[in-house]
Amino acid sequence: MDAQEQELRQSIVQNKNTRIKVIRISKSAYKDIPKEFIEIGEVCKKGDSILIYRVDRLSRNVVTFLSWLEDLNNREVDIYSLSEKLSFSKNKLDFIQAIVNAQKESALIGERIKMAFKRKKNRGDERVGRLPYGKKYKRLQNNTMIIEDNSDEQWIINIIKNNKNKIPKIVEQLNNLGIKKNGRPWNANMVRRIKKCF
């Protein structure tokens, strides 16, 4: 994301009348329009532009996004894709086609993942996909894979289970200790799921 932001910033010719607001969005834009997009669109005025790195970073669902794009276009707010050099107001069909292509690619990736999972199940693999938090794979000498407790993660699960504080306080404590879950800081949903499952 840093590299994408740098490219976007370098492409803007700044003058005293240019306002820049950078918003990083890392969530999926496949099923719904992220609320950040809706908020950006609502505050844009006639003549404003929304600059994106690539069309597939904006959307992979043409049906969901088309009315949003048309609304912005009707208000004379343009969306410009830097990589493809596409403006929605000037290259509408090419812009829509880029979303359709991204949607096709996303569907193909999904099909390949499902096929891989099906193959693993047919092969008899004990677990398909990511293991639950607190578990890990262990390879035995005969190359068989088994699942066992991950002692580091089980320790954290016990901290959460036995902690009498409210969830926001537990999140704060874990993050203050520098403990991460799969490389990411803890949030309320992560803690809630562990309390519910264990």
N, C-alpha and C. Protein backbone atom coordinates (compact mmCIF):
# COMPACT_ATOMS: atom_id res chain seq x y z
N MET A 1 0.82 -1.20 0.00
CA MET A 1 0.00 0.00 0.00
C MET A 1 0.86 1.27 0.00
N ASP A 2 2.01 1.19 0.66
CA ASP A 2 2.91 2.36 0.67
C ASP A 2 3.33 2.73 -0.75
N ALA A 3 3.69 1.70 -1.53
CA ALA A 3 4.14 1.95 -2.91
C ALA A 3 3.01 2.52 -3.75
N GLN A 4 1.79 2.00 -3.56
CA GLN A 4 0.65 2.51 -4.31
C GLN A 4 0.37 3.97 -3.95
N GLU A 5 0.44 4.27 -2.65
CA GLU A 5 0.20 5.66 -2.23
C GLU A 5 1.25 6.59 -2.82
N GLN A 6 2.50 6.15 -2.83
CA GLN A 6 3.57 6.98 -3.37
C GLN A 6 3.33 7.28 -4.86
N GLU A 7 2.94 6.24 -5.61
CA GLU A 7 2.65 6.43 -7.05
C GLU A 7 1.50 7.42 -7.23
N LEU A 8 0.47 7.28 -6.43
CA LEU A 8 -0.69 8.18 -6.54
C LEU A 8 -0.30 9.62 -6.22
N ARG A 9 0.47 9.79 -5.15
CA ARG A 9 0.88 11.15 -4.76
C ARG A 9 1.74 11.80 -5.85
N GLN A 10 2.66 11.00 -6.42
CA GLN A 10 3.55 11.56 -7.45
C GLN A 10 2.80 11.96 -8.71
N SER A 11 1.65 11.33 -8.93
CA SER A 11 0.90 11.62 -10.16
C SER A 11 0.09 12.91 -10.05
N ILE A 12 -0.06 13.43 -8.85
CA ILE A 12 -0.88 14.63 -8.64
C ILE A 12 -0.01 15.88 -8.74
N VAL A 13 -0.40 16.78 -9.62
CA VAL A 13 0.30 18.07 -9.71
C VAL A 13 -0.32 18.96 -8.65
N GLN A 14 0.46 19.24 -7.62
CA GLN A 14 -0.10 20.02 -6.52
C GLN A 14 -0.02 21.52 -6.81
N ASN A 15 -1.12 22.18 -6.55
CA ASN A 15 -1.12 23.64 -6.57
C ASN A 15 -1.93 24.10 -5.37
N LYS A 16 -2.03 25.39 -5.20
CA LYS A 16 -2.68 25.88 -3.98
C LYS A 16 -4.17 25.53 -3.91
N ASN A 17 -4.78 25.15 -5.04
CA ASN A 17 -6.19 24.79 -5.04
C ASN A 17 -6.43 23.29 -4.92
N THR A 18 -5.36 22.50 -4.78
CA THR A 18 -5.51 21.04 -4.71
C THR A 18 -5.61 20.59 -3.26
N ARG A 19 -6.69 19.84 -2.96
CA ARG A 19 -6.84 19.23 -1.64
C ARG A 19 -6.58 17.75 -1.80
N ILE A 20 -5.78 17.18 -0.92
CA ILE A 20 -5.49 15.74 -0.99
C ILE A 20 -5.89 15.09 0.32
N LYS A 21 -6.67 14.05 0.22
CA LYS A 21 -7.02 13.24 1.39
C LYS A 21 -6.76 11.80 0.99
N VAL A 22 -5.83 11.13 1.69
CA VAL A 22 -5.48 9.74 1.38
C VAL A 22 -6.23 8.83 2.34
N ILE A 23 -6.92 7.85 1.78
CA ILE A 23 -7.63 6.86 2.60
C ILE A 23 -7.18 5.48 2.15
N ARG A 24 -6.67 4.71 3.10
CA ARG A 24 -6.23 3.33 2.81
C ARG A 24 -7.35 2.38 3.18
N ILE A 25 -7.74 1.56 2.23
CA ILE A 25 -8.80 0.58 2.47
C ILE A 25 -8.25 -0.79 2.12
N SER A 26 -8.23 -1.69 3.10
CA SER A 26 -7.67 -3.02 2.84
C SER A 26 -8.73 -4.11 2.88
N LYS A 27 -9.99 -3.73 3.05
CA LYS A 27 -11.03 -4.76 3.12
C LYS A 27 -11.56 -5.11 1.73
N SER A 28 -12.29 -6.19 1.66
CA SER A 28 -12.83 -6.67 0.40
C SER A 28 -13.89 -5.72 -0.13
N ALA A 29 -13.84 -5.50 -1.44
CA ALA A 29 -14.85 -4.69 -2.10
C ALA A 29 -15.64 -5.57 -3.06
N TYR A 30 -15.77 -6.86 -2.74
CA TYR A 30 -16.43 -7.77 -3.66
C TYR A 30 -17.94 -7.81 -3.42
N LYS A 31 -18.37 -8.02 -2.18
CA LYS A 31 -19.80 -8.16 -1.92
C LYS A 31 -20.50 -6.82 -1.79
N ASP A 32 -19.94 -5.93 -0.98
CA ASP A 32 -20.58 -4.64 -0.71
C ASP A 32 -19.58 -3.52 -0.93
N ILE A 33 -20.13 -2.31 -1.04
CA ILE A 33 -19.25 -1.14 -1.14
C ILE A 33 -18.80 -0.81 0.28
N PRO A 34 -17.48 -0.81 0.54
CA PRO A 34 -17.02 -0.45 1.89
C PRO A 34 -17.53 0.93 2.28
N LYS A 35 -17.87 1.09 3.57
CA LYS A 35 -18.44 2.36 4.03
C LYS A 35 -17.51 3.53 3.75
N GLU A 36 -16.18 3.26 3.72
CA GLU A 36 -15.23 4.35 3.43
C GLU A 36 -15.47 4.92 2.02
N PHE A 37 -15.77 4.04 1.05
CA PHE A 37 -16.07 4.51 -0.31
C PHE A 37 -17.32 5.39 -0.31
N ILE A 38 -18.34 4.93 0.41
CA ILE A 38 -19.60 5.68 0.45
C ILE A 38 -19.35 7.06 1.07
N GLU A 39 -18.59 7.09 2.17
CA GLU A 39 -18.30 8.36 2.83
C GLU A 39 -17.49 9.29 1.92
N ILE A 40 -16.52 8.72 1.19
CA ILE A 40 -15.73 9.54 0.25
C ILE A 40 -16.65 10.16 -0.79
N GLY A 41 -17.52 9.31 -1.36
CA GLY A 41 -18.45 9.80 -2.39
C GLY A 41 -19.38 10.88 -1.88
N GLU A 42 -19.84 10.75 -0.64
CA GLU A 42 -20.78 11.72 -0.08
C GLU A 42 -20.16 13.11 0.10
N VAL A 43 -18.87 13.16 0.43
CA VAL A 43 -18.25 14.47 0.69
C VAL A 43 -17.68 15.12 -0.58
N CYS A 44 -17.61 14.36 -1.66
CA CYS A 44 -17.07 14.94 -2.90
C CYS A 44 -18.03 15.97 -3.48
N LYS A 45 -17.42 17.00 -4.05
CA LYS A 45 -18.20 18.07 -4.67
C LYS A 45 -17.94 18.06 -6.18
N LYS A 46 -18.76 18.79 -6.91
CA LYS A 46 -18.61 18.92 -8.36
C LYS A 46 -17.19 19.34 -8.69
N GLY A 47 -16.54 18.60 -9.59
CA GLY A 47 -15.16 18.92 -9.99
C GLY A 47 -14.11 18.15 -9.23
N ASP A 48 -14.50 17.46 -8.14
CA ASP A 48 -13.55 16.64 -7.39
C ASP A 48 -13.23 15.37 -8.16
N SER A 49 -12.08 14.77 -7.84
CA SER A 49 -11.69 13.50 -8.44
C SER A 49 -11.28 12.53 -7.34
N ILE A 50 -11.65 11.28 -7.56
CA ILE A 50 -11.19 10.19 -6.69
C ILE A 50 -10.17 9.42 -7.50
N LEU A 51 -8.96 9.36 -7.00
CA LEU A 51 -7.86 8.71 -7.70
C LEU A 51 -7.59 7.35 -7.06
N ILE A 52 -7.63 6.31 -7.87
CA ILE A 52 -7.36 4.96 -7.38
C ILE A 52 -6.17 4.40 -8.11
N TYR A 53 -5.51 3.41 -7.49
CA TYR A 53 -4.33 2.84 -8.11
C TYR A 53 -4.70 1.98 -9.33
N ARG A 54 -5.64 1.05 -9.14
CA ARG A 54 -6.12 0.23 -10.25
C ARG A 54 -7.61 -0.01 -10.05
N VAL A 55 -8.31 -0.28 -11.14
CA VAL A 55 -9.75 -0.51 -11.05
C VAL A 55 -10.05 -1.69 -10.14
N ASP A 56 -9.25 -2.76 -10.22
CA ASP A 56 -9.55 -3.93 -9.38
C ASP A 56 -9.30 -3.66 -7.90
N ARG A 57 -8.62 -2.56 -7.57
CA ARG A 57 -8.48 -2.14 -6.17
C ARG A 57 -9.77 -1.49 -5.69
N LEU A 58 -10.54 -0.95 -6.63
CA LEU A 58 -11.81 -0.30 -6.30
C LEU A 58 -12.91 -1.34 -6.14
N SER A 59 -13.02 -2.23 -7.14
CA SER A 59 -14.15 -3.15 -7.10
C SER A 59 -13.89 -4.40 -7.92
N ARG A 60 -14.56 -5.49 -7.48
CA ARG A 60 -14.61 -6.72 -8.27
C ARG A 60 -16.06 -7.17 -8.39
N ASN A 61 -16.96 -6.20 -8.34
CA ASN A 61 -18.38 -6.51 -8.45
C ASN A 61 -19.08 -5.37 -9.19
N VAL A 62 -19.28 -5.56 -10.49
CA VAL A 62 -19.82 -4.49 -11.32
C VAL A 62 -21.25 -4.13 -10.94
N VAL A 63 -22.05 -5.11 -10.53
CA VAL A 63 -23.45 -4.84 -10.19
C VAL A 63 -23.55 -3.92 -8.98
N THR A 64 -22.75 -4.22 -7.96
CA THR A 64 -22.80 -3.42 -6.73
C THR A 64 -22.30 -2.00 -6.96
N PHE A 65 -21.26 -1.84 -7.74
CA PHE A 65 -20.59 -0.55 -7.85
C PHE A 65 -21.14 0.36 -8.94
N LEU A 66 -21.87 -0.20 -9.90
CA LEU A 66 -22.27 0.61 -11.05
C LEU A 66 -23.14 1.79 -10.65
N SER A 67 -24.12 1.59 -9.78
CA SER A 67 -25.00 2.71 -9.39
C SER A 67 -24.21 3.77 -8.62
N TRP A 68 -23.23 3.32 -7.79
CA TRP A 68 -22.40 4.27 -7.05
C TRP A 68 -21.56 5.12 -8.01
N LEU A 69 -20.96 4.46 -9.01
CA LEU A 69 -20.15 5.16 -10.00
C LEU A 69 -21.00 6.15 -10.81
N GLU A 70 -22.20 5.71 -11.20
CA GLU A 70 -23.10 6.58 -11.97
C GLU A 70 -23.54 7.79 -11.17
N ASP A 71 -23.80 7.57 -9.87
CA ASP A 71 -24.19 8.69 -9.01
C ASP A 71 -23.08 9.73 -8.96
N LEU A 72 -21.83 9.27 -8.78
CA LEU A 72 -20.70 10.20 -8.75
C LEU A 72 -20.57 10.92 -10.09
N ASN A 73 -20.73 10.18 -11.18
CA ASN A 73 -20.61 10.76 -12.51
C ASN A 73 -21.68 11.83 -12.74
N ASN A 74 -22.91 11.55 -12.29
CA ASN A 74 -24.00 12.52 -12.44
C ASN A 74 -23.74 13.79 -11.63
N ARG A 75 -22.99 13.65 -10.53
CA ARG A 75 -22.64 14.82 -9.72
C ARG A 75 -21.33 15.47 -10.20
N GLU A 76 -20.80 14.98 -11.32
CA GLU A 76 -19.56 15.50 -11.93
C GLU A 76 -18.35 15.30 -11.03
N VAL A 77 -18.33 14.15 -10.36
CA VAL A 77 -17.16 13.71 -9.60
C VAL A 77 -16.55 12.57 -10.40
N ASP A 78 -15.28 12.69 -10.76
CA ASP A 78 -14.65 11.67 -11.60
C ASP A 78 -13.84 10.69 -10.76
N ILE A 79 -13.77 9.46 -11.25
CA ILE A 79 -12.89 8.46 -10.66
C ILE A 79 -11.87 8.10 -11.72
N TYR A 80 -10.60 8.17 -11.34
CA TYR A 80 -9.52 7.93 -12.30
C TYR A 80 -8.61 6.82 -11.78
N SER A 81 -8.35 5.84 -12.65
CA SER A 81 -7.44 4.75 -12.31
C SER A 81 -6.06 5.07 -12.89
N LEU A 82 -5.08 5.16 -12.00
CA LEU A 82 -3.73 5.56 -12.41
C LEU A 82 -3.08 4.52 -13.31
N SER A 83 -3.10 3.24 -12.92
CA SER A 83 -2.39 2.21 -13.69
C SER A 83 -2.95 2.04 -15.10
N GLU A 84 -4.29 1.97 -15.19
CA GLU A 84 -4.90 1.76 -16.51
C GLU A 84 -5.09 3.06 -17.29
N LYS A 85 -4.87 4.20 -16.61
CA LYS A 85 -5.10 5.51 -17.21
C LYS A 85 -6.53 5.61 -17.75
N LEU A 86 -7.47 5.25 -16.87
CA LEU A 86 -8.89 5.26 -17.22
C LEU A 86 -9.65 6.23 -16.34
N SER A 87 -10.45 7.04 -16.96
CA SER A 87 -11.35 7.94 -16.25
C SER A 87 -12.77 7.41 -16.46
N PHE A 88 -13.54 7.30 -15.38
CA PHE A 88 -14.91 6.78 -15.53
C PHE A 88 -15.74 7.69 -16.41
N SER A 89 -15.57 9.01 -16.28
CA SER A 89 -16.39 9.93 -17.08
C SER A 89 -16.01 9.92 -18.56
N LYS A 90 -14.74 9.63 -18.86
CA LYS A 90 -14.29 9.68 -20.26
C LYS A 90 -14.19 8.30 -20.91
N ASN A 91 -13.99 7.27 -20.12
CA ASN A 91 -13.81 5.90 -20.65
C ASN A 91 -14.74 4.93 -19.92
N LYS A 92 -16.02 5.27 -19.88
CA LYS A 92 -16.96 4.51 -19.07
C LYS A 92 -16.97 3.02 -19.40
N LEU A 93 -17.06 2.67 -20.68
CA LEU A 93 -17.15 1.25 -21.04
C LEU A 93 -15.86 0.50 -20.69
N ASP A 94 -14.71 1.11 -20.94
CA ASP A 94 -13.44 0.47 -20.59
C ASP A 94 -13.31 0.30 -19.08
N PHE A 95 -13.77 1.30 -18.34
CA PHE A 95 -13.72 1.26 -16.87
C PHE A 95 -14.58 0.11 -16.35
N ILE A 96 -15.81 0.01 -16.88
CA ILE A 96 -16.73 -1.06 -16.47
C ILE A 96 -16.15 -2.42 -16.87
N GLN A 97 -15.55 -2.49 -18.07
CA GLN A 97 -14.94 -3.75 -18.52
C GLN A 97 -13.81 -4.18 -17.59
N ALA A 98 -13.04 -3.21 -17.07
CA ALA A 98 -11.96 -3.53 -16.14
C ALA A 98 -12.52 -4.12 -14.85
N ILE A 99 -13.68 -3.63 -14.39
CA ILE A 99 -14.32 -4.20 -13.20
C ILE A 99 -14.80 -5.61 -13.51
N VAL A 100 -15.41 -5.80 -14.70
CA VAL A 100 -15.88 -7.14 -15.10
C VAL A 100 -14.71 -8.12 -15.15
N ASN A 101 -13.58 -7.69 -15.73
CA ASN A 101 -12.39 -8.56 -15.81
C ASN A 101 -11.89 -8.94 -14.41
N ALA A 102 -11.89 -7.96 -13.49
CA ALA A 102 -11.46 -8.24 -12.12
C ALA A 102 -12.41 -9.21 -11.44
N GLN A 103 -13.73 -9.05 -11.74
CA GLN A 103 -14.73 -9.95 -11.15
C GLN A 103 -14.53 -11.38 -11.68
N LYS A 104 -14.24 -11.50 -12.98
CA LYS A 104 -13.98 -12.83 -13.58
C LYS A 104 -12.75 -13.47 -12.93
N GLU A 105 -11.69 -12.68 -12.79
CA GLU A 105 -10.45 -13.19 -12.19
C GLU A 105 -10.70 -13.65 -10.76
N SER A 106 -11.47 -12.87 -10.00
CA SER A 106 -11.79 -13.23 -8.62
C SER A 106 -12.58 -14.54 -8.57
N ALA A 107 -13.53 -14.70 -9.49
CA ALA A 107 -14.34 -15.93 -9.54
C ALA A 107 -13.47 -17.13 -9.87
N LEU A 108 -12.53 -16.96 -10.82
CA LEU A 108 -11.64 -18.06 -11.20
C LEU A 108 -10.74 -18.48 -10.03
N ILE A 109 -10.23 -17.49 -9.31
CA ILE A 109 -9.40 -17.79 -8.14
C ILE A 109 -10.22 -18.58 -7.11
N GLY A 110 -11.47 -18.15 -6.89
CA GLY A 110 -12.35 -18.84 -5.96
C GLY A 110 -12.59 -20.29 -6.38
N GLU A 111 -12.78 -20.51 -7.68
CA GLU A 111 -12.99 -21.88 -8.18
C GLU A 111 -11.75 -22.73 -7.98
N ARG A 112 -10.57 -22.15 -8.22
CA ARG A 112 -9.33 -22.91 -8.04
C ARG A 112 -9.12 -23.30 -6.58
N ILE A 113 -9.47 -22.38 -5.67
CA ILE A 113 -9.33 -22.68 -4.24
C ILE A 113 -10.29 -23.80 -3.84
N LYS A 114 -11.54 -23.74 -4.34
CA LYS A 114 -12.51 -24.80 -4.04
C LYS A 114 -12.04 -26.14 -4.57
N MET A 115 -11.46 -26.15 -5.79
CA MET A 115 -10.94 -27.40 -6.36
C MET A 115 -9.81 -27.95 -5.51
N ALA A 116 -8.92 -27.07 -5.03
CA ALA A 116 -7.80 -27.52 -4.19
C ALA A 116 -8.32 -28.11 -2.88
N PHE A 117 -9.32 -27.47 -2.27
CA PHE A 117 -9.91 -28.00 -1.04
C PHE A 117 -10.56 -29.36 -1.29
N LYS A 118 -11.29 -29.47 -2.42
CA LYS A 118 -11.96 -30.74 -2.75
C LYS A 118 -10.93 -31.85 -2.94
N ARG A 119 -9.84 -31.52 -3.61
CA ARG A 119 -8.78 -32.51 -3.84
C ARG A 119 -8.18 -32.97 -2.51
N LYS A 120 -7.94 -32.03 -1.60
CA LYS A 120 -7.37 -32.39 -0.29
C LYS A 120 -8.34 -33.28 0.49
N LYS A 121 -9.64 -32.97 0.43
CA LYS A 121 -10.63 -33.79 1.13
C LYS A 121 -10.67 -35.20 0.53
N ASN A 122 -10.67 -35.27 -0.82
CA ASN A 122 -10.70 -36.58 -1.49
C ASN A 122 -9.45 -37.40 -1.19
N ARG A 123 -8.34 -36.69 -0.98
CA ARG A 123 -7.07 -37.36 -0.68
C ARG A 123 -7.04 -37.87 0.75
N GLY A 124 -7.95 -37.33 1.58
CA GLY A 124 -8.03 -37.78 2.96
C GLY A 124 -7.31 -36.89 3.94
N ASP A 125 -6.95 -35.67 3.53
CA ASP A 125 -6.29 -34.76 4.47
C ASP A 125 -7.22 -34.52 5.65
N GLU A 126 -6.64 -34.49 6.84
CA GLU A 126 -7.45 -34.36 8.05
C GLU A 126 -8.10 -32.99 8.16
N ARG A 127 -7.43 -31.98 7.66
CA ARG A 127 -7.94 -30.62 7.79
C ARG A 127 -7.70 -29.88 6.49
N VAL A 128 -8.67 -29.12 6.04
CA VAL A 128 -8.52 -28.31 4.83
C VAL A 128 -8.63 -26.85 5.24
N GLY A 129 -7.66 -26.05 4.81
CA GLY A 129 -7.67 -24.63 5.15
C GLY A 129 -6.86 -24.34 6.39
N ARG A 130 -7.03 -23.15 6.90
CA ARG A 130 -6.26 -22.71 8.07
C ARG A 130 -6.76 -23.41 9.34
N LEU A 131 -5.81 -23.79 10.15
CA LEU A 131 -6.17 -24.43 11.41
C LEU A 131 -6.76 -23.41 12.38
N PRO A 132 -7.61 -23.87 13.31
CA PRO A 132 -8.12 -22.94 14.31
C PRO A 132 -6.98 -22.42 15.18
N TYR A 133 -7.18 -21.22 15.71
CA TYR A 133 -6.19 -20.63 16.60
C TYR A 133 -5.96 -21.57 17.78
N GLY A 134 -4.70 -21.81 18.11
CA GLY A 134 -4.36 -22.71 19.21
C GLY A 134 -3.93 -24.09 18.75
N LYS A 135 -3.99 -24.33 17.43
CA LYS A 135 -3.60 -25.64 16.87
C LYS A 135 -2.47 -25.44 15.86
N LYS A 136 -1.72 -26.52 15.59
CA LYS A 136 -0.67 -26.47 14.56
C LYS A 136 -0.47 -27.88 13.99
N TYR A 137 0.09 -27.90 12.79
CA TYR A 137 0.43 -29.17 12.15
C TYR A 137 1.76 -29.67 12.70
N LYS A 138 1.88 -30.99 12.76
CA LYS A 138 3.16 -31.61 13.11
C LYS A 138 3.37 -32.79 12.15
N ARG A 139 4.53 -32.81 11.52
CA ARG A 139 4.87 -33.91 10.61
C ARG A 139 5.59 -35.01 11.38
N LEU A 140 5.07 -36.22 11.26
CA LEU A 140 5.70 -37.36 11.91
C LEU A 140 6.80 -37.94 11.02
N GLN A 141 7.57 -38.88 11.56
CA GLN A 141 8.69 -39.45 10.81
C GLN A 141 8.23 -40.17 9.54
N ASN A 142 7.04 -40.74 9.55
CA ASN A 142 6.54 -41.43 8.35
C ASN A 142 5.86 -40.47 7.37
N ASN A 143 6.08 -39.16 7.56
CA ASN A 143 5.54 -38.09 6.72
C ASN A 143 4.04 -37.86 6.89
N THR A 144 3.44 -38.49 7.87
CA THR A 144 2.03 -38.23 8.18
C THR A 144 1.94 -36.91 8.93
N MET A 145 0.88 -36.16 8.60
CA MET A 145 0.64 -34.89 9.30
C MET A 145 -0.41 -35.10 10.37
N ILE A 146 -0.15 -34.60 11.56
CA ILE A 146 -1.15 -34.62 12.62
C ILE A 146 -1.35 -33.19 13.12
N ILE A 147 -2.44 -32.99 13.83
CA ILE A 147 -2.73 -31.68 14.41
C ILE A 147 -2.55 -31.79 15.92
N GLU A 148 -1.82 -30.82 16.46
CA GLU A 148 -1.61 -30.80 17.91
C GLU A 148 -1.78 -29.38 18.43
N ASP A 149 -1.83 -29.25 19.75
CA ASP A 149 -1.94 -27.92 20.36
C ASP A 149 -0.69 -27.11 20.11
N ASN A 150 -0.88 -25.84 19.83
CA ASN A 150 0.22 -24.89 19.73
C ASN A 150 0.36 -24.24 21.10
N SER A 151 1.40 -24.60 21.84
CA SER A 151 1.52 -24.17 23.24
C SER A 151 1.55 -22.64 23.39
N ASP A 152 2.20 -21.95 22.44
CA ASP A 152 2.25 -20.47 22.52
C ASP A 152 0.84 -19.88 22.41
N GLU A 153 0.07 -20.40 21.47
CA GLU A 153 -1.28 -19.86 21.28
C GLU A 153 -2.23 -20.34 22.37
N GLN A 154 -2.04 -21.56 22.88
CA GLN A 154 -2.88 -22.05 23.97
C GLN A 154 -2.69 -21.18 25.22
N TRP A 155 -1.48 -20.72 25.43
CA TRP A 155 -1.18 -19.84 26.56
C TRP A 155 -2.00 -18.55 26.44
N ILE A 156 -2.06 -18.00 25.23
CA ILE A 156 -2.82 -16.76 25.01
C ILE A 156 -4.32 -17.03 25.17
N ILE A 157 -4.79 -18.18 24.67
CA ILE A 157 -6.20 -18.55 24.83
C ILE A 157 -6.56 -18.60 26.31
N ASN A 158 -5.68 -19.17 27.13
CA ASN A 158 -5.92 -19.24 28.57
C ASN A 158 -5.97 -17.86 29.21
N ILE A 159 -5.10 -16.97 28.75
CA ILE A 159 -5.12 -15.59 29.27
C ILE A 159 -6.50 -14.98 29.00
N ILE A 160 -6.99 -15.16 27.77
CA ILE A 160 -8.28 -14.57 27.38
C ILE A 160 -9.43 -15.22 28.15
N LYS A 161 -9.43 -16.56 28.22
CA LYS A 161 -10.51 -17.29 28.89
C LYS A 161 -10.63 -16.91 30.37
N ASN A 162 -9.50 -16.76 31.02
CA ASN A 162 -9.50 -16.53 32.47
C ASN A 162 -9.53 -15.06 32.85
N ASN A 163 -9.50 -14.18 31.85
CA ASN A 163 -9.48 -12.75 32.11
C ASN A 163 -10.91 -12.27 32.40
N LYS A 164 -11.13 -11.66 33.54
CA LYS A 164 -12.47 -11.21 33.96
C LYS A 164 -12.81 -9.82 33.44
N ASN A 165 -11.84 -9.15 32.81
CA ASN A 165 -12.09 -7.79 32.30
C ASN A 165 -13.03 -7.84 31.10
N LYS A 166 -13.55 -6.67 30.74
CA LYS A 166 -14.38 -6.56 29.55
C LYS A 166 -13.47 -6.67 28.32
N ILE A 167 -14.08 -7.02 27.20
CA ILE A 167 -13.32 -7.32 25.98
C ILE A 167 -12.39 -6.16 25.56
N PRO A 168 -12.85 -4.90 25.54
CA PRO A 168 -11.92 -3.82 25.14
C PRO A 168 -10.66 -3.76 26.01
N LYS A 169 -10.83 -4.03 27.30
CA LYS A 169 -9.68 -4.01 28.22
C LYS A 169 -8.73 -5.16 27.92
N ILE A 170 -9.29 -6.35 27.61
CA ILE A 170 -8.45 -7.50 27.25
C ILE A 170 -7.65 -7.19 25.99
N VAL A 171 -8.31 -6.59 25.00
CA VAL A 171 -7.63 -6.20 23.75
C VAL A 171 -6.47 -5.27 24.06
N GLU A 172 -6.73 -4.27 24.89
CA GLU A 172 -5.69 -3.30 25.27
C GLU A 172 -4.52 -4.01 25.95
N GLN A 173 -4.83 -4.92 26.89
CA GLN A 173 -3.77 -5.64 27.61
C GLN A 173 -2.91 -6.47 26.66
N LEU A 174 -3.54 -7.22 25.77
CA LEU A 174 -2.79 -8.06 24.82
C LEU A 174 -1.89 -7.20 23.93
N ASN A 175 -2.44 -6.11 23.41
CA ASN A 175 -1.65 -5.25 22.52
C ASN A 175 -0.53 -4.53 23.27
N ASN A 176 -0.78 -4.16 24.54
CA ASN A 176 0.27 -3.54 25.35
C ASN A 176 1.42 -4.50 25.63
N LEU A 177 1.09 -5.80 25.71
CA LEU A 177 2.13 -6.82 25.93
C LEU A 177 2.89 -7.15 24.64
N GLY A 178 2.42 -6.60 23.53
CA GLY A 178 3.07 -6.87 22.24
C GLY A 178 2.68 -8.22 21.66
N ILE A 179 1.60 -8.81 22.18
CA ILE A 179 1.13 -10.11 21.68
C ILE A 179 0.29 -9.86 20.44
N LYS A 180 0.55 -10.63 19.38
CA LYS A 180 -0.21 -10.48 18.14
C LYS A 180 -0.89 -11.79 17.78
N LYS A 181 -1.91 -11.70 16.96
CA LYS A 181 -2.59 -12.89 16.45
C LYS A 181 -2.35 -12.95 14.96
N ASN A 182 -1.62 -13.99 14.54
CA ASN A 182 -1.25 -14.13 13.12
C ASN A 182 -0.60 -12.86 12.57
N GLY A 183 0.23 -12.23 13.40
CA GLY A 183 0.98 -11.05 12.96
C GLY A 183 0.19 -9.75 13.02
N ARG A 184 -1.05 -9.80 13.50
CA ARG A 184 -1.87 -8.59 13.54
C ARG A 184 -2.23 -8.23 14.98
N PRO A 185 -2.38 -6.92 15.27
CA PRO A 185 -2.81 -6.53 16.61
C PRO A 185 -4.20 -7.11 16.91
N TRP A 186 -4.46 -7.33 18.18
CA TRP A 186 -5.76 -7.87 18.59
C TRP A 186 -6.85 -6.83 18.45
N ASN A 187 -8.07 -7.30 18.15
CA ASN A 187 -9.23 -6.42 18.17
C ASN A 187 -10.37 -7.14 18.90
N ALA A 188 -11.46 -6.45 19.13
CA ALA A 188 -12.56 -6.99 19.93
C ALA A 188 -13.14 -8.26 19.32
N ASN A 189 -13.28 -8.31 17.98
CA ASN A 189 -13.85 -9.51 17.34
C ASN A 189 -12.99 -10.74 17.55
N MET A 190 -11.67 -10.57 17.48
CA MET A 190 -10.76 -11.70 17.69
C MET A 190 -10.94 -12.28 19.09
N VAL A 191 -10.97 -11.39 20.09
CA VAL A 191 -11.12 -11.83 21.48
C VAL A 191 -12.49 -12.48 21.69
N ARG A 192 -13.52 -11.87 21.11
CA ARG A 192 -14.90 -12.37 21.24
C ARG A 192 -15.00 -13.80 20.68
N ARG A 193 -14.37 -14.03 19.52
CA ARG A 193 -14.43 -15.36 18.91
C ARG A 193 -13.76 -16.42 19.81
N ILE A 194 -12.62 -16.04 20.40
CA ILE A 194 -11.91 -17.00 21.27
C ILE A 194 -12.73 -17.27 22.52
N LYS A 195 -13.34 -16.25 23.11
CA LYS A 195 -14.17 -16.45 24.31
C LYS A 195 -15.36 -17.35 23.97
N LYS A 196 -15.91 -17.19 22.76
CA LYS A 196 -17.07 -17.97 22.36
C LYS A 196 -16.71 -19.43 22.08
N CYS A 197 -15.54 -19.66 21.48
CA CYS A 197 -15.15 -21.01 21.04
C CYS A 197 -14.56 -21.86 22.17
N PHE A 198 -13.96 -21.22 23.15
CA PHE A 198 -13.25 -22.02 24.16
C PHE A 198 -13.97 -21.94 25.48
